[in-house]
Amino acid sequence: MRETVLGNNGEKIIVFYSFKDVSEFNKFREGMSNLINAKVLQSTLFVVFMENASEKLYLPDSVRFKYLAKSDFNFFGQVKDKNLRQSMKDKFDVLLVFGNIQENQLKRINKISATKRIVTNSAENLKFDISINANTTSIEQIANFTKETLEKIKS
């Protein structure tokens, strides 16, 4: 097996994802779980944007996954969850963005401090170092493609 590129040597990774419905999220989560179990993604925080806060009832609780709906932001646009707000102020080694990110979410993502900023199927007005356009919608395939691209760049 190849050496892990994302999350090896204690790298901190933050992944942003926006989904349309719970079934789409479940496919994303399954793909990410496969990558975590295969040691492709380690030391990762997943921030998942959603339209409807009621959808949280159908999503599994997880230390790695934090779910944000419009109701999770205060009047000033800050994340209400103090632990998550503090975590997002950390310096990350890798920032990954999946899914269709909305304008108000872009501002939050652009404020994150990261050494490598990688977006897939890029959104406009998003700061990035590497933009990867994949011909698939499978998150696991996109993440593996991202990993392989980084390995090529690294070698």
C-alpha atoms as a PDB file:
ATOM      1  CA  MET A   1       0.000   0.000   0.000  1.00  0.00           C
ATOM      2  CA  ARG A   2       1.229   3.490  -0.786  1.00  0.00           C
ATOM      3  CA  GLU A   3       2.248   5.865   1.945  1.00  0.00           C
ATOM      4  CA  THR A   4      -0.600   8.017   3.184  1.00  0.00           C
ATOM      5  CA  VAL A   5      -0.487  11.519   1.706  1.00  0.00           C
ATOM      6  CA  LEU A   6      -3.400  13.113   3.495  1.00  0.00           C
ATOM      7  CA  GLY A   7      -3.016  13.060   7.238  1.00  0.00           C
ATOM      8  CA  ASN A   8       0.283  11.285   7.613  1.00  0.00           C
ATOM      9  CA  ASN A   9       2.797  12.503  10.172  1.00  0.00           C
ATOM     10  CA  GLY A  10       0.013  13.981  12.293  1.00  0.00           C
ATOM     11  CA  GLU A  11      -1.176  16.448   9.647  1.00  0.00           C
ATOM     12  CA  LYS A  12      -4.407  18.191  10.568  1.00  0.00           C
ATOM     13  CA  ILE A  13      -7.063  18.069   7.880  1.00  0.00           C
ATOM     14  CA  ILE A  14     -10.371  19.881   7.664  1.00  0.00           C
ATOM     15  CA  VAL A  15     -12.966  18.830   5.102  1.00  0.00           C
ATOM     16  CA  PHE A  16     -15.952  20.962   4.115  1.00  0.00           C
ATOM     17  CA  TYR A  17     -18.913  19.363   2.428  1.00  0.00           C
ATOM     18  CA  SER A  18     -22.382  20.521   1.424  1.00  0.00           C
ATOM     19  CA  PHE A  19     -25.117  18.045   0.530  1.00  0.00           C
ATOM     20  CA  LYS A  20     -28.582  18.034  -1.005  1.00  0.00           C
ATOM     21  CA  ASP A  21     -30.210  15.246   0.988  1.00  0.00           C
ATOM     22  CA  VAL A  22     -29.509  12.624   3.634  1.00  0.00           C
ATOM     23  CA  SER A  23     -28.961   9.779   1.137  1.00  0.00           C
ATOM     24  CA  GLU A  24     -26.277  11.836  -0.621  1.00  0.00           C
ATOM     25  CA  PHE A  25     -24.639  12.515   2.751  1.00  0.00           C
ATOM     26  CA  ASN A  26     -24.718   8.817   3.658  1.00  0.00           C
ATOM     27  CA  LYS A  27     -22.794   8.028   0.452  1.00  0.00           C
ATOM     28  CA  PHE A  28     -20.280  10.748   1.344  1.00  0.00           C
ATOM     29  CA  ARG A  29     -19.888   9.421   4.886  1.00  0.00           C
ATOM     30  CA  GLU A  30     -19.446   5.849   3.653  1.00  0.00           C
ATOM     31  CA  GLY A  31     -16.768   6.984   1.210  1.00  0.00           C
ATOM     32  CA  MET A  32     -14.989   8.981   3.909  1.00  0.00           C
ATOM     33  CA  SER A  33     -15.201   6.060   6.360  1.00  0.00           C
ATOM     34  CA  ASN A  34     -13.556   3.821   3.761  1.00  0.00           C
ATOM     35  CA  LEU A  35     -10.762   6.371   3.343  1.00  0.00           C
ATOM     36  CA  ILE A  36     -10.323   6.744   7.109  1.00  0.00           C
ATOM     37  CA  ASN A  37     -10.210   2.956   7.586  1.00  0.00           C
ATOM     38  CA  ALA A  38      -7.698   2.665   4.728  1.00  0.00           C
ATOM     39  CA  LYS A  39      -5.587   5.330   6.468  1.00  0.00           C
ATOM     40  CA  VAL A  40      -5.937   7.725   3.533  1.00  0.00           C
ATOM     41  CA  LEU A  41      -7.519  10.399   5.718  1.00  0.00           C
ATOM     42  CA  GLN A  42      -6.350  10.683   9.293  1.00  0.00           C
ATOM     43  CA  SER A  43      -6.636  13.429  11.902  1.00  0.00           C
ATOM     44  CA  THR A  44      -9.599  14.913  10.073  1.00  0.00           C
ATOM     45  CA  LEU A  45     -12.428  17.245  11.058  1.00  0.00           C
ATOM     46  CA  PHE A  46     -15.457  17.174   8.751  1.00  0.00           C
ATOM     47  CA  VAL A  47     -17.690  20.259   8.647  1.00  0.00           C
ATOM     48  CA  VAL A  48     -20.919  19.471   6.839  1.00  0.00           C
ATOM     49  CA  PHE A  49     -23.234  22.251   5.652  1.00  0.00           C
ATOM     50  CA  MET A  50     -26.927  21.489   5.370  1.00  0.00           C
ATOM     51  CA  GLU A  51     -30.020  23.428   4.440  1.00  0.00           C
ATOM     52  CA  ASN A  52     -32.410  22.082   7.032  1.00  0.00           C
ATOM     53  CA  ALA A  53     -31.501  21.638  10.709  1.00  0.00           C
ATOM     54  CA  SER A  54     -34.159  18.923  11.055  1.00  0.00           C
ATOM     55  CA  GLU A  55     -32.011  16.677   8.841  1.00  0.00           C
ATOM     56  CA  LYS A  56     -29.582  16.357  11.765  1.00  0.00           C
ATOM     57  CA  LEU A  57     -32.044  13.929  13.325  1.00  0.00           C
ATOM     58  CA  TYR A  58     -31.271  11.463  10.529  1.00  0.00           C
ATOM     59  CA  LEU A  59     -27.497  11.825  10.695  1.00  0.00           C
ATOM     60  CA  PRO A  60     -25.240   9.781  12.976  1.00  0.00           C
ATOM     61  CA  ASP A  61     -23.456  11.429  15.897  1.00  0.00           C
ATOM     62  CA  SER A  62     -19.722  11.528  15.445  1.00  0.00           C
ATOM     63  CA  VAL A  63     -16.717  13.226  16.963  1.00  0.00           C
ATOM     64  CA  ARG A  64     -15.256  13.767  13.489  1.00  0.00           C
ATOM     65  CA  PHE A  65     -18.410  15.147  11.817  1.00  0.00           C
ATOM     66  CA  LYS A  66     -19.879  18.543  12.728  1.00  0.00           C
ATOM     67  CA  TYR A  67     -23.147  19.554  11.102  1.00  0.00           C
ATOM     68  CA  LEU A  68     -24.042  23.184  10.399  1.00  0.00           C
ATOM     69  CA  ALA A  69     -27.422  24.535   9.357  1.00  0.00           C
ATOM     70  CA  LYS A  70     -28.493  28.174   9.218  1.00  0.00           C
ATOM     71  CA  SER A  71     -29.772  27.926  12.799  1.00  0.00           C
ATOM     72  CA  ASP A  72     -26.256  27.003  14.014  1.00  0.00           C
ATOM     73  CA  PHE A  73     -24.997  30.542  13.430  1.00  0.00           C
ATOM     74  CA  ASN A  74     -25.608  33.487  15.731  1.00  0.00           C
ATOM     75  CA  PHE A  75     -26.767  36.970  14.750  1.00  0.00           C
ATOM     76  CA  PHE A  76     -23.176  37.948  13.861  1.00  0.00           C
ATOM     77  CA  GLY A  77     -22.691  34.930  11.584  1.00  0.00           C
ATOM     78  CA  GLN A  78     -20.456  33.053  14.019  1.00  0.00           C
ATOM     79  CA  VAL A  79     -20.784  29.343  14.700  1.00  0.00           C
ATOM     80  CA  LYS A  80     -22.704  28.904  17.963  1.00  0.00           C
ATOM     81  CA  ASP A  81     -20.792  25.752  18.928  1.00  0.00           C
ATOM     82  CA  LYS A  82     -17.808  27.210  20.808  1.00  0.00           C
ATOM     83  CA  ASN A  83     -15.661  24.084  20.433  1.00  0.00           C
ATOM     84  CA  LEU A  84     -16.199  23.982  16.671  1.00  0.00           C
ATOM     85  CA  ARG A  85     -15.632  27.733  16.365  1.00  0.00           C
ATOM     86  CA  GLN A  86     -12.326  27.337  18.226  1.00  0.00           C
ATOM     87  CA  SER A  87     -11.339  24.293  16.148  1.00  0.00           C
ATOM     88  CA  MET A  88     -11.916  26.242  12.944  1.00  0.00           C
ATOM     89  CA  LYS A  89      -9.409  28.859  14.156  1.00  0.00           C
ATOM     90  CA  ASP A  90      -6.633  26.240  14.248  1.00  0.00           C
ATOM     91  CA  LYS A  91      -3.965  26.027  11.554  1.00  0.00           C
ATOM     92  CA  PHE A  92      -4.571  23.061   9.251  1.00  0.00           C
ATOM     93  CA  ASP A  93      -2.140  21.292   6.969  1.00  0.00           C
ATOM     94  CA  VAL A  94      -4.794  20.420   4.392  1.00  0.00           C
ATOM     95  CA  LEU A  95      -8.197  21.942   3.651  1.00  0.00           C
ATOM     96  CA  LEU A  96     -10.468  19.949   1.306  1.00  0.00           C
ATOM     97  CA  VAL A  97     -13.767  21.184  -0.129  1.00  0.00           C
ATOM     98  CA  PHE A  98     -16.379  18.843  -1.641  1.00  0.00           C
ATOM     99  CA  GLY A  99     -19.852  19.591  -2.927  1.00  0.00           C
ATOM    100  CA  ASN A 100     -21.634  22.753  -3.997  1.00  0.00           C
ATOM    101  CA  ILE A 101     -20.654  25.451  -1.532  1.00  0.00           C
ATOM    102  CA  GLN A 102     -22.903  28.488  -1.147  1.00  0.00           C
ATOM    103  CA  GLU A 103     -21.675  32.087  -1.027  1.00  0.00           C
ATOM    104  CA  ASN A 104     -22.162  32.539   2.732  1.00  0.00           C
ATOM    105  CA  GLN A 105     -20.235  29.315   3.373  1.00  0.00           C
ATOM    106  CA  LEU A 106     -17.359  30.440   1.118  1.00  0.00           C
ATOM    107  CA  LYS A 107     -16.582  33.333   3.451  1.00  0.00           C
ATOM    108  CA  ARG A 108     -16.145  30.971   6.387  1.00  0.00           C
ATOM    109  CA  ILE A 109     -14.013  28.552   4.398  1.00  0.00           C
ATOM    110  CA  ASN A 110     -11.782  31.333   3.059  1.00  0.00           C
ATOM    111  CA  LYS A 111     -11.008  32.384   6.656  1.00  0.00           C
ATOM    112  CA  ILE A 112      -9.584  28.960   7.535  1.00  0.00           C
ATOM    113  CA  SER A 113      -5.794  28.891   7.772  1.00  0.00           C
ATOM    114  CA  ALA A 114      -4.343  25.949   5.822  1.00  0.00           C
ATOM    115  CA  THR A 115      -1.037  25.111   4.152  1.00  0.00           C
ATOM    116  CA  LYS A 116      -2.676  23.260   1.225  1.00  0.00           C
ATOM    117  CA  ARG A 117      -6.115  24.312   0.024  1.00  0.00           C
ATOM    118  CA  ILE A 118      -7.684  21.758  -2.311  1.00  0.00           C
ATOM    119  CA  VAL A 119     -11.103  22.081  -3.904  1.00  0.00           C
ATOM    120  CA  THR A 120     -12.924  19.603  -6.086  1.00  0.00           C
ATOM    121  CA  ASN A 121     -15.221  20.691  -8.865  1.00  0.00           C
ATOM    122  CA  SER A 122     -14.423  24.230  -7.781  1.00  0.00           C
ATOM    123  CA  ALA A 123     -16.743  26.952  -6.648  1.00  0.00           C
ATOM    124  CA  GLU A 124     -16.088  30.526  -7.656  1.00  0.00           C
ATOM    125  CA  ASN A 125     -14.582  32.969  -5.125  1.00  0.00           C
ATOM    126  CA  LEU A 126     -12.949  30.182  -3.151  1.00  0.00           C
ATOM    127  CA  LYS A 127      -9.258  30.548  -2.276  1.00  0.00           C
ATOM    128  CA  PHE A 128      -7.352  27.419  -3.285  1.00  0.00           C
ATOM    129  CA  ASP A 129      -3.910  26.085  -4.174  1.00  0.00           C
ATOM    130  CA  ILE A 130      -5.106  23.083  -6.146  1.00  0.00           C
ATOM    131  CA  SER A 131      -8.404  22.665  -7.961  1.00  0.00           C
ATOM    132  CA  ILE A 132      -9.302  19.143  -9.007  1.00  0.00           C
ATOM    133  CA  ASN A 133     -12.074  18.613 -11.506  1.00  0.00           C
ATOM    134  CA  ALA A 134     -13.239  15.027 -11.458  1.00  0.00           C
ATOM    135  CA  ASN A 135     -15.620  13.378 -13.891  1.00  0.00           C
ATOM    136  CA  THR A 136     -17.389  11.541 -11.089  1.00  0.00           C
ATOM    137  CA  THR A 137     -19.763  12.367  -8.271  1.00  0.00           C
ATOM    138  CA  SER A 138     -18.520   9.555  -6.028  1.00  0.00           C
ATOM    139  CA  ILE A 139     -16.832  11.208  -3.061  1.00  0.00           C
ATOM    140  CA  GLU A 140     -14.593   8.195  -2.464  1.00  0.00           C
ATOM    141  CA  GLN A 141     -13.374   8.291  -6.080  1.00  0.00           C
ATOM    142  CA  ILE A 142     -12.828  12.060  -5.903  1.00  0.00           C
ATOM    143  CA  ALA A 143     -10.881  11.743  -2.626  1.00  0.00           C
ATOM    144  CA  ASN A 144      -8.771   8.894  -4.023  1.00  0.00           C
ATOM    145  CA  PHE A 145      -8.131  10.944  -7.169  1.00  0.00           C
ATOM    146  CA  THR A 146      -7.101  13.858  -4.931  1.00  0.00           C
ATOM    147  CA  LYS A 147      -4.755  11.584  -2.975  1.00  0.00           C
ATOM    148  CA  GLU A 148      -3.185  10.215  -6.187  1.00  0.00           C
ATOM    149  CA  THR A 149      -2.748  13.744  -7.574  1.00  0.00           C
ATOM    150  CA  LEU A 150      -0.994  14.848  -4.379  1.00  0.00           C
ATOM    151  CA  GLU A 151       1.257  11.795  -4.522  1.00  0.00           C
ATOM    152  CA  LYS A 152       2.287  12.741  -8.073  1.00  0.00           C
ATOM    153  CA  ILE A 153       2.983  16.314  -7.010  1.00  0.00           C
ATOM    154  CA  LYS A 154       4.949  15.128  -3.969  1.00  0.00           C
ATOM    155  CA  SER A 155       7.219  12.790  -6.000  1.00  0.00           C
END
